[in-house]
Amino acid sequence: MQVNWSLLAETILRNYTRQVYLATKNAGWDGRLDDDEQRVDVTSQWDMASSLLFAVTVITTIGGRS
């Protein structure tokens, strides 16, 4: 019997996505980083420029291997 790894990976990912969605919906996560009780109102360090630099770095690093 041959295992269809693509189907298995898709099923696992879909299940994980559903669990994250339900946990977020039930817990009411608002997007804040509250790992430290005193820093509940900390804003994310990601802005457009940082996000773009990160994305370009990842894409060129992964895509650069031939």
N, C-alpha and C. Protein backbone atom coordinates (compact mmCIF):
# COMPACT_ATOMS: atom_id res chain seq x y z
N MET A 1 0.84 -1.19 0.00
CA MET A 1 0.00 0.00 0.00
C MET A 1 0.88 1.25 0.00
N GLN A 2 0.64 2.12 -0.95
CA GLN A 2 1.42 3.35 -1.06
C GLN A 2 0.67 4.48 -0.38
N VAL A 3 1.40 5.28 0.42
CA VAL A 3 0.80 6.38 1.15
C VAL A 3 0.83 7.63 0.28
N ASN A 4 -0.29 8.33 0.20
CA ASN A 4 -0.36 9.59 -0.52
C ASN A 4 0.04 10.70 0.44
N TRP A 5 1.33 11.07 0.42
CA TRP A 5 1.85 12.04 1.38
C TRP A 5 1.25 13.43 1.20
N SER A 6 0.95 13.80 -0.02
CA SER A 6 0.34 15.12 -0.25
C SER A 6 -1.03 15.20 0.40
N LEU A 7 -1.81 14.15 0.24
CA LEU A 7 -3.14 14.11 0.85
C LEU A 7 -3.05 14.08 2.37
N LEU A 8 -2.10 13.32 2.89
CA LEU A 8 -1.91 13.24 4.33
C LEU A 8 -1.50 14.60 4.90
N ALA A 9 -0.55 15.27 4.25
CA ALA A 9 -0.10 16.59 4.70
C ALA A 9 -1.23 17.61 4.64
N GLU A 10 -2.02 17.56 3.58
CA GLU A 10 -3.14 18.48 3.45
C GLU A 10 -4.17 18.24 4.55
N THR A 11 -4.43 16.99 4.87
CA THR A 11 -5.39 16.66 5.93
C THR A 11 -4.90 17.15 7.28
N ILE A 12 -3.62 16.94 7.58
CA ILE A 12 -3.05 17.39 8.85
C ILE A 12 -3.09 18.91 8.94
N LEU A 13 -2.72 19.58 7.86
CA LEU A 13 -2.72 21.05 7.85
C LEU A 13 -4.13 21.60 8.00
N ARG A 14 -5.07 20.99 7.33
CA ARG A 14 -6.47 21.44 7.42
C ARG A 14 -6.99 21.27 8.86
N ASN A 15 -6.65 20.14 9.50
CA ASN A 15 -7.06 19.89 10.88
C ASN A 15 -6.43 20.91 11.83
N TYR A 16 -5.14 21.17 11.64
CA TYR A 16 -4.45 22.15 12.48
C TYR A 16 -5.05 23.55 12.30
N THR A 17 -5.31 23.92 11.06
CA THR A 17 -5.90 25.23 10.78
C THR A 17 -7.26 25.36 11.47
N ARG A 18 -8.04 24.31 11.41
CA ARG A 18 -9.36 24.31 12.05
C ARG A 18 -9.22 24.45 13.56
N GLN A 19 -8.27 23.75 14.17
CA GLN A 19 -8.05 23.85 15.61
C GLN A 19 -7.63 25.26 16.02
N VAL A 20 -6.75 25.86 15.24
CA VAL A 20 -6.30 27.23 15.53
C VAL A 20 -7.47 28.20 15.40
N TYR A 21 -8.26 28.02 14.36
CA TYR A 21 -9.43 28.88 14.15
C TYR A 21 -10.40 28.77 15.33
N LEU A 22 -10.72 27.56 15.74
CA LEU A 22 -11.67 27.37 16.84
C LEU A 22 -11.11 27.91 18.16
N ALA A 23 -9.82 27.68 18.41
CA ALA A 23 -9.21 28.19 19.65
C ALA A 23 -9.24 29.71 19.67
N THR A 24 -8.94 30.32 18.52
CA THR A 24 -8.96 31.78 18.42
C THR A 24 -10.38 32.31 18.60
N LYS A 25 -11.34 31.65 17.97
CA LYS A 25 -12.73 32.08 18.08
C LYS A 25 -13.24 31.95 19.51
N ASN A 26 -12.94 30.83 20.14
CA ASN A 26 -13.44 30.57 21.50
C ASN A 26 -12.72 31.40 22.56
N ALA A 27 -11.42 31.60 22.39
CA ALA A 27 -10.65 32.35 23.39
C ALA A 27 -10.73 33.85 23.16
N GLY A 28 -11.12 34.25 21.97
CA GLY A 28 -11.25 35.67 21.68
C GLY A 28 -9.93 36.40 21.57
N TRP A 29 -8.94 35.79 20.94
CA TRP A 29 -7.64 36.43 20.80
C TRP A 29 -7.77 37.70 20.00
N ASP A 30 -7.19 38.79 20.53
CA ASP A 30 -7.33 40.10 19.89
C ASP A 30 -6.08 40.54 19.15
N GLY A 31 -5.08 39.68 19.07
CA GLY A 31 -3.88 40.01 18.34
C GLY A 31 -2.79 40.64 19.17
N ARG A 32 -3.05 40.91 20.43
CA ARG A 32 -2.02 41.50 21.27
C ARG A 32 -1.05 40.44 21.76
N LEU A 33 0.19 40.86 22.01
CA LEU A 33 1.20 39.97 22.55
C LEU A 33 1.17 40.10 24.07
N ASP A 34 0.68 39.08 24.75
CA ASP A 34 0.55 39.18 26.20
C ASP A 34 1.38 38.11 26.90
N ASP A 35 2.62 37.89 26.42
CA ASP A 35 3.48 36.91 27.06
C ASP A 35 3.98 37.41 28.41
N ASP A 36 3.96 38.69 28.62
CA ASP A 36 4.37 39.29 29.89
C ASP A 36 3.20 40.11 30.41
N GLU A 37 2.75 39.82 31.61
CA GLU A 37 1.57 40.48 32.17
C GLU A 37 1.70 42.01 32.19
N GLN A 38 2.90 42.52 32.32
CA GLN A 38 3.10 43.96 32.40
C GLN A 38 3.17 44.61 31.02
N ARG A 39 3.28 43.81 29.98
CA ARG A 39 3.44 44.36 28.63
C ARG A 39 2.26 44.00 27.74
N VAL A 40 1.06 44.04 28.25
CA VAL A 40 -0.12 43.63 27.47
C VAL A 40 -0.36 44.56 26.30
N ASP A 41 -0.06 45.83 26.43
CA ASP A 41 -0.36 46.80 25.38
C ASP A 41 0.80 47.04 24.43
N VAL A 42 1.74 46.12 24.36
CA VAL A 42 2.88 46.24 23.45
C VAL A 42 2.38 46.06 22.02
N THR A 43 2.83 46.92 21.15
CA THR A 43 2.45 46.79 19.74
C THR A 43 3.46 45.91 19.03
N SER A 44 3.06 45.36 17.92
CA SER A 44 3.93 44.50 17.14
C SER A 44 5.06 45.32 16.52
N GLN A 45 6.22 44.70 16.37
CA GLN A 45 7.37 45.38 15.77
C GLN A 45 7.33 45.31 14.24
N TRP A 46 6.35 44.64 13.69
CA TRP A 46 6.27 44.50 12.24
C TRP A 46 5.59 45.72 11.63
N ASP A 47 6.28 46.37 10.72
CA ASP A 47 5.67 47.40 9.91
C ASP A 47 5.83 46.97 8.45
N MET A 48 5.37 47.78 7.54
CA MET A 48 5.39 47.39 6.13
C MET A 48 6.81 47.17 5.62
N ALA A 49 7.72 48.05 5.99
CA ALA A 49 9.10 47.93 5.51
C ALA A 49 9.76 46.66 6.06
N SER A 50 9.56 46.39 7.34
CA SER A 50 10.15 45.19 7.94
C SER A 50 9.56 43.92 7.33
N SER A 51 8.27 43.94 7.10
CA SER A 51 7.62 42.78 6.50
C SER A 51 8.13 42.53 5.09
N LEU A 52 8.28 43.59 4.32
CA LEU A 52 8.77 43.45 2.95
C LEU A 52 10.21 42.94 2.94
N LEU A 53 11.06 43.49 3.79
CA LEU A 53 12.44 43.03 3.87
C LEU A 53 12.49 41.55 4.24
N PHE A 54 11.71 41.14 5.21
CA PHE A 54 11.66 39.74 5.62
C PHE A 54 11.22 38.84 4.47
N ALA A 55 10.15 39.24 3.78
CA ALA A 55 9.62 38.42 2.68
C ALA A 55 10.64 38.31 1.55
N VAL A 56 11.28 39.40 1.20
CA VAL A 56 12.27 39.37 0.11
C VAL A 56 13.46 38.50 0.51
N THR A 57 13.88 38.60 1.76
CA THR A 57 15.00 37.79 2.24
C THR A 57 14.67 36.31 2.17
N VAL A 58 13.49 35.94 2.61
CA VAL A 58 13.07 34.53 2.59
C VAL A 58 12.97 34.04 1.15
N ILE A 59 12.33 34.81 0.30
CA ILE A 59 12.13 34.38 -1.09
C ILE A 59 13.46 34.24 -1.82
N THR A 60 14.36 35.20 -1.66
CA THR A 60 15.62 35.12 -2.37
C THR A 60 16.53 34.05 -1.79
N THR A 61 16.44 33.80 -0.50
CA THR A 61 17.26 32.75 0.11
C THR A 61 16.80 31.38 -0.36
N ILE A 62 15.52 31.14 -0.33
CA ILE A 62 14.99 29.84 -0.74
C ILE A 62 15.10 29.68 -2.25
N GLY A 63 14.81 30.72 -3.00
CA GLY A 63 14.81 30.64 -4.45
C GLY A 63 16.21 30.67 -5.05
N GLY A 64 17.21 31.01 -4.28
CA GLY A 64 18.55 31.14 -4.80
C GLY A 64 19.29 29.83 -5.01
N ARG A 65 18.74 28.73 -4.56
CA ARG A 65 19.42 27.44 -4.69
C ARG A 65 19.01 26.77 -6.00
N SER A 66 19.97 26.48 -6.82
CA SER A 66 19.67 25.84 -8.10
C SER A 66 20.35 24.50 -8.19
